[in-house]
Protein backbone atom coordinates (compact mmCIF):
# COMPACT_ATOMS: atom_id res chain seq x y z
CA MET A 1 -0.15 0.11 0.31
CA ALA A 2 1.42 3.51 -0.77
CA PRO A 3 2.42 5.39 2.02
CA LYS A 4 0.11 8.52 2.64
CA ASN A 5 0.91 11.69 0.31
CA SER A 6 3.11 14.05 2.80
CA CYS A 7 4.45 16.87 0.73
CA HIS A 8 1.24 19.18 -0.38
CA ASN A 9 2.97 21.97 -0.78
CA GLY A 10 0.13 24.70 -2.77
CA ASP A 11 1.45 25.86 -6.43
CA TRP A 12 3.49 24.62 -8.55
CA LYS A 13 6.16 26.63 -8.31
CA ASN A 14 6.48 25.98 -4.57
CA GLN A 15 5.98 22.30 -4.94
CA ARG A 16 8.98 22.66 -7.18
CA SER A 17 11.32 24.40 -4.51
CA ASN A 18 10.34 21.73 -2.33
CA LEU A 19 11.35 19.01 -5.17
CA GLY A 20 14.67 20.26 -5.29
CA GLU A 21 15.53 19.58 -2.21
CA MET A 22 13.94 15.90 -2.25
CA ILE A 23 14.30 14.79 -6.35
CA VAL A 24 16.68 17.37 -7.80
CA MET A 25 19.29 17.83 -5.79
CA ALA A 26 20.85 14.42 -4.14
CA PRO A 27 22.30 15.70 -0.59
CA TYR A 28 24.43 12.96 -0.44
CA GLN A 29 27.66 11.66 -2.27
CA SER A 30 25.90 8.54 -4.83
CA PHE A 31 27.60 5.81 -6.99
CA HIS A 32 27.47 5.87 -10.52
CA ILE A 33 27.22 3.66 -13.09
CA GLY A 34 28.06 5.18 -16.61
CA LEU A 35 25.92 2.59 -19.21
CA LEU A 36 23.49 5.53 -21.14
CA GLY A 37 23.95 7.95 -17.79
CA LEU A 38 22.80 5.34 -15.34
CA ALA A 39 23.43 6.32 -12.24
CA LEU A 40 22.48 4.64 -8.74
CA ALA A 41 21.92 6.44 -5.12
CA SER A 42 24.52 5.27 -2.93
CA VAL A 43 23.84 2.57 -1.12
CA TRP A 44 25.00 3.89 2.11
CA PRO A 45 24.00 7.29 2.29
CA LEU A 46 26.29 8.71 4.93
CA SER A 47 29.69 7.33 3.05
CA ALA A 48 31.69 8.73 -0.03
CA CYS A 49 30.91 5.63 -2.39
CA ALA A 50 31.71 5.96 -5.96
CA ILE A 51 31.30 3.13 -8.66
CA THR A 52 32.35 3.34 -12.39
CA PRO A 53 31.72 0.22 -13.79
CA SER A 54 33.87 -0.78 -17.17
CA PHE A 55 30.86 -0.65 -19.81
CA PRO A 56 31.57 -0.52 -23.62
CA PRO A 57 31.57 3.12 -24.70
CA ALA A 58 27.94 4.52 -24.52
CA VAL A 59 26.34 7.04 -26.27
CA GLU A 60 26.72 10.84 -24.38
CA GLN A 61 23.42 11.72 -22.67
CA ASN A 62 22.19 14.62 -20.52
CA GLN A 63 23.55 14.56 -17.34
CA GLN A 64 20.66 15.90 -15.07
CA VAL A 65 20.08 13.64 -12.54
CA ASN A 66 17.15 13.07 -10.48
CA GLY A 67 17.03 11.45 -6.36
CA ASP A 68 17.05 11.84 -2.96
CA ARG A 69 19.41 9.50 -0.98
CA GLN A 70 18.08 6.16 -1.30
CA GLU A 71 17.01 6.32 -4.77
CA VAL A 72 18.32 4.84 -8.04
CA GLN A 73 19.12 7.89 -10.34
CA LEU A 74 19.00 8.44 -13.98
CA ALA A 75 20.24 10.72 -16.27
CA GLN A 76 17.78 12.50 -18.55
CA ASN A 77 17.31 9.85 -21.54
CA SER A 78 17.29 11.47 -24.47
CA ASP A 79 15.72 9.25 -26.81
CA THR A 80 12.17 9.84 -28.30
CA TYR A 81 11.03 7.00 -27.00
CA THR A 82 10.81 8.77 -23.04
CA PHE A 83 8.40 11.66 -21.92
CA GLU A 84 8.83 13.21 -18.58
CA THR A 85 7.02 15.71 -17.04
CA PHE A 86 9.28 17.47 -14.47
CA ASP A 87 11.64 19.69 -16.07
CA PRO A 88 14.08 21.09 -13.31
CA ASN A 89 15.30 24.15 -16.07
CA SER A 90 11.67 25.26 -16.16
CA ASP A 91 8.74 27.00 -13.61
CA GLU A 92 5.86 24.71 -15.44
CA PRO A 93 5.46 21.09 -15.98
CA LYS A 94 4.71 19.93 -18.95
CA LEU A 95 1.27 18.25 -18.20
CA ASN A 96 0.55 16.61 -21.73
CA GLY A 97 3.09 14.29 -23.53
CA LYS A 98 3.10 11.45 -25.72
CA VAL A 99 5.43 8.66 -27.05
CA GLU A 100 5.40 6.33 -29.83
CA LYS A 101 7.53 3.26 -31.44
CA GLY A 102 6.10 1.16 -34.30
CA ASP A 103 2.54 -0.10 -33.23
CA VAL A 104 2.75 1.34 -29.94
CA SER A 105 2.11 4.81 -28.70
CA ALA A 106 0.93 5.97 -25.35
CA SER A 107 0.11 9.66 -23.76
CA ILE A 108 -0.33 11.00 -20.56
CA SER A 109 -2.14 14.27 -19.52
CA TYR A 110 -3.04 15.50 -16.19
CA ARG A 111 -5.77 17.09 -14.00
CA GLN A 112 -5.71 19.04 -10.66
CA GLU A 113 -8.08 19.58 -7.76
CA LYS A 114 -7.84 22.13 -5.27
CA HIS A 115 -9.08 21.46 -1.88
CA ASP A 116 -8.08 23.55 1.19
CA GLY A 117 -5.01 25.32 -0.49
CA TYR A 118 -3.17 22.37 -1.63
CA GLU A 119 -3.12 20.83 -4.90
CA SER A 120 -3.73 17.33 -6.13
CA TRP A 121 -2.24 16.10 -9.71
CA PHE A 122 -3.95 12.86 -11.00
CA PRO A 123 -2.02 11.74 -14.19
CA THR A 124 -3.99 9.43 -16.95
CA VAL A 125 -2.18 7.11 -19.38
CA THR A 126 -3.75 6.01 -22.76
CA VAL A 127 -2.18 3.11 -24.81
CA LYS A 128 -2.88 2.85 -28.09
CA PHE A 129 -1.85 -0.35 -30.54
CA LYS A 130 -2.48 0.54 -34.18
CA ASN A 131 -3.95 3.70 -33.43
CA LYS A 132 -6.78 1.64 -31.27
CA ILE A 133 -7.15 2.44 -27.48
CA VAL A 134 -6.21 -0.97 -25.54
CA ALA A 135 -5.97 0.28 -22.30
CA THR A 136 -6.28 3.65 -20.08
CA LEU A 137 -5.45 4.17 -16.34
CA GLU A 138 -5.22 6.90 -13.85
CA GLY A 139 -2.14 6.85 -11.91
CA SER A 140 -2.14 7.94 -8.43
CA GLU A 141 -2.60 11.21 -6.70
CA SER A 142 0.29 13.20 -6.47
CA PRO A 143 1.01 16.22 -5.03
CA MET A 144 2.77 18.15 -7.63
CA PRO A 145 3.15 16.61 -11.28
CA ILE A 146 5.94 14.38 -11.96
CA ALA A 147 5.86 11.22 -13.82
CA LEU A 148 7.63 9.50 -16.63
CA LEU A 149 6.35 7.58 -19.60
CA GLN A 150 8.38 5.12 -21.55
CA ILE A 151 8.13 2.68 -24.78
CA THR A 152 10.64 0.03 -23.90
CA ASP A 153 11.64 -3.53 -25.06
CA MET A 154 11.62 -5.41 -22.07
CA ASP A 155 10.24 -8.67 -23.05
CA ARG A 156 12.08 -10.71 -25.04
CA ASP A 157 9.34 -13.68 -25.09
CA ASN A 158 6.84 -10.54 -26.64
CA PRO A 159 6.92 -9.18 -30.04
CA TYR A 160 5.89 -5.79 -29.07
CA PRO A 161 7.44 -3.21 -26.92
CA ALA A 162 5.96 -2.31 -23.06
CA VAL A 163 5.06 1.09 -22.03
CA LEU A 164 6.79 1.93 -18.48
CA PHE A 165 5.04 4.33 -16.01
CA ALA A 166 6.45 5.56 -13.01
CA THR A 167 4.83 8.44 -10.96
CA TYR A 168 6.18 10.13 -7.78
CA THR A 169 3.14 9.92 -4.96
CA GLY A 170 4.97 12.42 -2.42
CA GLY A 171 5.49 11.54 0.86
CA ALA A 172 8.92 11.07 3.03
CA HIS A 173 12.05 9.55 0.85
CA CYS A 174 8.92 8.63 -1.35
CA CYS A 175 7.89 7.03 -3.44
CA ASN A 176 8.64 5.92 -6.98
CA GLU A 177 5.51 4.11 -8.13
CA VAL A 178 6.29 1.93 -11.35
CA LYS A 179 3.79 0.03 -13.38
CA VAL A 180 4.26 -1.77 -16.83
CA PHE A 181 1.60 -1.94 -19.57
CA THR A 182 2.20 -5.22 -21.79
CA SER A 183 0.37 -7.24 -24.49
CA ASN A 184 -0.25 -10.90 -25.29
CA GLN A 185 1.30 -11.97 -28.96
CA ASN A 186 -0.67 -10.65 -31.33
CA GLY A 187 -1.48 -7.46 -29.27
CA SER A 188 -4.89 -7.73 -29.13
CA ASP A 189 -5.06 -7.61 -25.45
CA TRP A 190 -3.04 -5.59 -22.93
CA SER A 191 -2.61 -5.64 -19.09
CA VAL A 192 -1.21 -3.82 -16.85
CA ARG A 193 2.04 -5.24 -14.39
CA ASP A 194 3.07 -3.87 -11.33
CA PHE A 195 6.44 -3.18 -10.35
CA GLY A 196 5.79 -2.12 -7.01
CA PHE A 197 6.69 1.09 -5.19
CA PHE A 198 9.82 2.32 -4.91
CA ASN A 199 11.90 5.26 -2.37
CA GLY A 200 12.46 8.10 -5.06
CA GLY A 201 11.05 9.48 -7.70
CA PRO A 202 10.65 8.00 -11.42
CA HIS A 203 13.46 6.97 -14.05
CA PRO A 204 13.51 4.92 -17.35
CA ALA A 205 14.41 1.68 -17.29
CA GLU A 206 17.79 1.08 -19.29
CA ASP A 207 19.68 -1.86 -21.12
CA LEU A 208 21.98 -2.94 -18.40
CA ASN A 209 24.10 -5.79 -19.77
CA ASN A 210 23.59 -5.29 -23.11
CA ASP A 211 21.43 -7.80 -24.41
CA GLY A 212 19.26 -5.69 -26.49
CA TRP A 213 16.46 -5.72 -22.79
CA ASP A 214 15.73 -3.35 -20.93
CA GLU A 215 15.85 -3.82 -17.28
CA TYR A 216 14.25 -1.85 -14.52
CA VAL A 217 16.89 -1.25 -11.37
CA GLU A 218 16.30 -0.24 -8.28
CA VAL A 219 18.25 -0.78 -4.63
CA ASP A 220 16.05 -3.48 -2.41
CA ASN A 221 13.74 -1.28 -0.49
CA ARG A 222 13.51 -4.17 1.87
CA PHE A 223 16.07 -3.30 3.67
CA LEU A 224 15.79 0.50 4.71
CA TYR A 225 14.88 1.41 8.16
CA LEU A 226 14.99 -2.70 9.40
CA PHE A 227 18.18 -2.19 11.24
CA SER A 228 18.46 1.17 11.81
CA SER A 229 17.32 4.75 10.66
CA TYR A 230 16.60 5.99 7.13
CA ALA A 231 19.91 7.35 7.27
CA GLY A 232 22.08 4.61 8.78
CA SER A 233 20.39 2.29 5.84
CA ALA A 234 21.92 1.17 2.94
CA ALA A 235 20.62 -1.37 0.24
CA PRO A 236 21.84 -4.17 -2.33
CA ALA A 237 20.49 -3.18 -6.12
CA GLN A 238 17.68 -4.85 -7.29
CA ILE A 239 17.05 -5.49 -10.91
CA TRP A 240 14.00 -6.07 -12.59
CA ALA A 241 12.82 -7.53 -15.74
CA LEU A 242 9.69 -8.85 -17.45
CA GLN A 243 9.68 -12.05 -18.94
CA ASN A 244 6.55 -13.15 -20.45
CA GLY A 245 4.94 -10.66 -19.33
CA GLN A 246 5.42 -11.10 -15.26
CA VAL A 247 7.74 -9.25 -13.46
CA VAL A 248 10.38 -10.96 -12.25
CA ASP A 249 13.82 -10.32 -10.21
CA VAL A 250 16.46 -11.16 -12.17
CA SER A 251 19.20 -9.50 -9.47
CA PHE A 252 21.06 -12.73 -9.18
CA GLU A 253 21.55 -13.47 -12.59
CA PRO A 254 24.97 -13.95 -13.51
CA SER A 255 24.73 -11.12 -16.11
CA PHE A 256 24.59 -8.45 -13.25
CA GLN A 257 27.23 -9.43 -11.05
CA PHE A 258 29.70 -6.40 -12.23
CA ILE A 259 26.92 -4.29 -10.91
CA HIS A 260 27.20 -5.98 -7.41
CA ARG A 261 31.01 -6.41 -7.82
CA GLU A 262 31.50 -3.08 -7.83
CA ASN A 263 28.87 -2.01 -4.74
CA ALA A 264 31.35 -4.66 -2.78
CA GLN A 265 34.50 -3.12 -3.89
CA SER A 266 32.72 0.60 -2.74
CA MET A 267 31.28 -0.82 1.00
CA GLU A 268 34.80 -2.45 1.25
CA LYS A 269 36.54 0.88 1.27
CA ASP A 270 33.87 2.09 3.34
CA LEU A 271 33.73 -0.35 6.11
CA PRO A 272 36.60 0.79 8.18
CA GLU A 273 34.82 4.28 8.37
CA ILE A 274 31.46 3.00 9.34
CA VAL A 275 32.41 0.20 11.88
CA ALA A 276 34.25 3.45 13.80
CA GLN A 277 31.13 4.58 14.27
CA ASP A 278 29.20 3.80 17.84
CA SER A 279 25.81 3.36 16.37
CA GLU A 280 23.89 2.68 13.22
CA LYS A 281 26.32 0.02 11.96
CA ASN A 282 24.09 -2.81 11.36
CA GLY A 283 22.12 -1.16 8.66
CA PHE A 284 25.47 -0.85 6.60
CA LEU A 285 26.64 -4.74 7.79
CA ALA A 286 22.91 -5.93 6.65
CA ALA A 287 23.78 -4.57 3.25
CA TYR A 288 27.29 -5.64 3.19
CA VAL A 289 26.32 -9.33 3.80
CA ALA A 290 23.90 -9.33 1.24
CA ASN A 291 26.02 -7.99 -1.48
CA LYS A 292 28.80 -10.93 -0.74
CA ALA A 293 25.91 -13.29 -0.90
CA LEU A 294 25.41 -11.89 -4.41
CA ILE A 295 28.95 -12.31 -5.81
CA GLY A 296 29.76 -15.66 -3.79
CA GLU A 297 31.25 -14.00 -0.98
CA LEU A 298 28.90 -14.66 2.30
CA ASP A 299 30.60 -16.43 4.50
CA GLU A 300 33.78 -13.48 4.43
CA GLY A 301 30.51 -10.69 4.31
CA TRP A 302 29.21 -13.18 7.69
CA GLN A 303 32.49 -12.83 9.78
CA THR A 304 32.93 -9.92 8.86
CA MET A 305 29.69 -8.68 10.14
CA LEU A 306 30.01 -10.82 13.22
CA LYS A 307 33.21 -8.92 14.26
CA TYR A 308 32.00 -5.21 13.82
CA TYR A 309 28.06 -5.50 14.37
CA ASP A 310 26.78 -3.16 17.24
CA ARG A 311 25.98 -5.74 20.26
CA GLU A 312 23.48 -3.05 22.13
CA SER A 313 21.07 -2.42 19.22
CA ASP A 314 17.85 -3.89 19.44
CA TRP A 315 17.05 -2.13 16.08
CA GLY A 316 15.37 -5.08 14.22
CA LEU A 317 14.92 -7.83 16.76
CA THR A 318 11.29 -8.09 16.87
CA ASN A 319 9.72 -8.59 13.60
CA CYS A 320 5.87 -8.93 12.83
CA LEU A 321 5.24 -11.94 10.46
CA GLU A 322 1.18 -11.32 10.20
CA TYR A 323 -1.05 -8.24 10.61
CA ASP A 324 -4.56 -8.28 10.73
CA ASP A 325 -6.96 -5.57 8.67
CA GLN A 326 -6.35 -2.92 11.02
CA SER A 327 -2.56 -2.92 11.50
CA ASN A 328 -2.18 -5.19 14.68
CA CYS A 329 0.12 -7.66 14.76
CA LEU A 330 -1.08 -11.49 15.05
CA ASN A 331 2.03 -12.76 14.83
CA GLU A 332 5.39 -11.17 16.38
CA VAL A 333 8.31 -13.02 16.31
CA LYS A 334 12.17 -11.70 18.61
CA TYR A 335 15.25 -12.66 18.25
CA ASP A 336 18.14 -12.88 20.68
CA SER A 337 20.65 -11.11 18.40
CA TYR A 338 21.27 -9.60 15.41
CA PRO A 339 22.88 -12.25 13.37
CA ASP A 340 19.86 -14.19 14.75
CA ALA A 341 17.67 -11.15 12.62
CA LEU A 342 19.86 -10.64 10.13
CA ARG A 343 19.77 -14.51 8.74
CA ALA A 344 16.45 -14.80 8.99
CA PHE A 345 15.56 -11.38 6.99
CA LEU A 346 18.19 -12.97 4.26
CA VAL A 347 16.85 -16.08 4.19
CA GLU A 348 13.55 -14.80 3.74
CA ALA A 349 14.90 -12.20 1.19
CA GLY A 350 16.75 -14.76 -1.06
CA TYR A 351 19.66 -13.88 -0.43
CA ILE A 352 21.01 -16.75 1.31
CA GLU A 353 19.49 -20.26 1.70
CA ALA A 354 17.65 -21.58 4.91
CA LYS A 355 20.24 -24.26 5.60
CA PHE A 356 23.56 -21.40 5.55
CA GLU A 357 25.34 -21.99 8.62
CA ALA A 358 28.16 -20.26 9.17
CA GLU A 359 31.86 -21.50 10.40
CA ASN A 360 31.30 -19.30 13.59
CA ASN A 361 27.97 -17.51 14.71
CA THR A 362 29.96 -15.38 16.83
CA LEU A 363 32.99 -13.72 17.59
């Protein structure tokens, strides 16, 4: 469920000014992935991560970067298949736009509502196939008209491109809501797939591994606030694809190892500074272990965590496994230690196997 909007700020110019603090100007250093301008926000927002993987030469892109601390960021895409309503160089939003590729086209428009001095914006996307309307969707309410529309080749099992629709819903560190319109094999039936809600703002899909098909890259939002505050949280990269019409997490596929290895190298550089802190270590170490697991170095990462974790912190040691419809916890579990809680989380999240046993459970 999307969080309640909490960023209503009156007219567009005021919204745009406040947005600069949340989306346009990243207040913390970020690490960058050079392919087609892609730049992932720092997995560790309080450190100086600088990642530049060795990609094949790419066409030079514009370099306006969006995003706050944990957001996956992307330089503004200059191709004709992407339309963004937010222009950081303009005092006015672009409320209408259209993209098209072959037999597929998509358009976006906004309607505005005002209540008690606050503005709400509602985007509507219309998808056409061979000039016939095949899908119409009104997106989530937003305190400002920020959205991205992209026609993208994401599904190798589909002869037709998909339409990616990403909107900024507002809220603290939140939210980029991502949906994809995709068709059946002959284009006669179109449906919507939810990628989900992610921290930060909209950005396009990109071909990360040069296989001719675009992926959607984020940081794994499950790590945020889990074992530390937002500022102390870190997260590994999470990569999504569209396969046979279904949204699939492809983070563990070998072709994306270069991303996780670059991130691991960056985190190794920051490790001494982080573990020297009196608190907020555990949020970083959770992502550190997960990233080590992604590159086949789980045992080493686990032993490092055991050596440095904050034994005084109880953040994340209590977890609710089931809620009722009133958000009351029905099934609460309490862990004896941070390693126990971390292991349970990483098993549930798929980073490690349930049979994993470290050589040493304590140091």
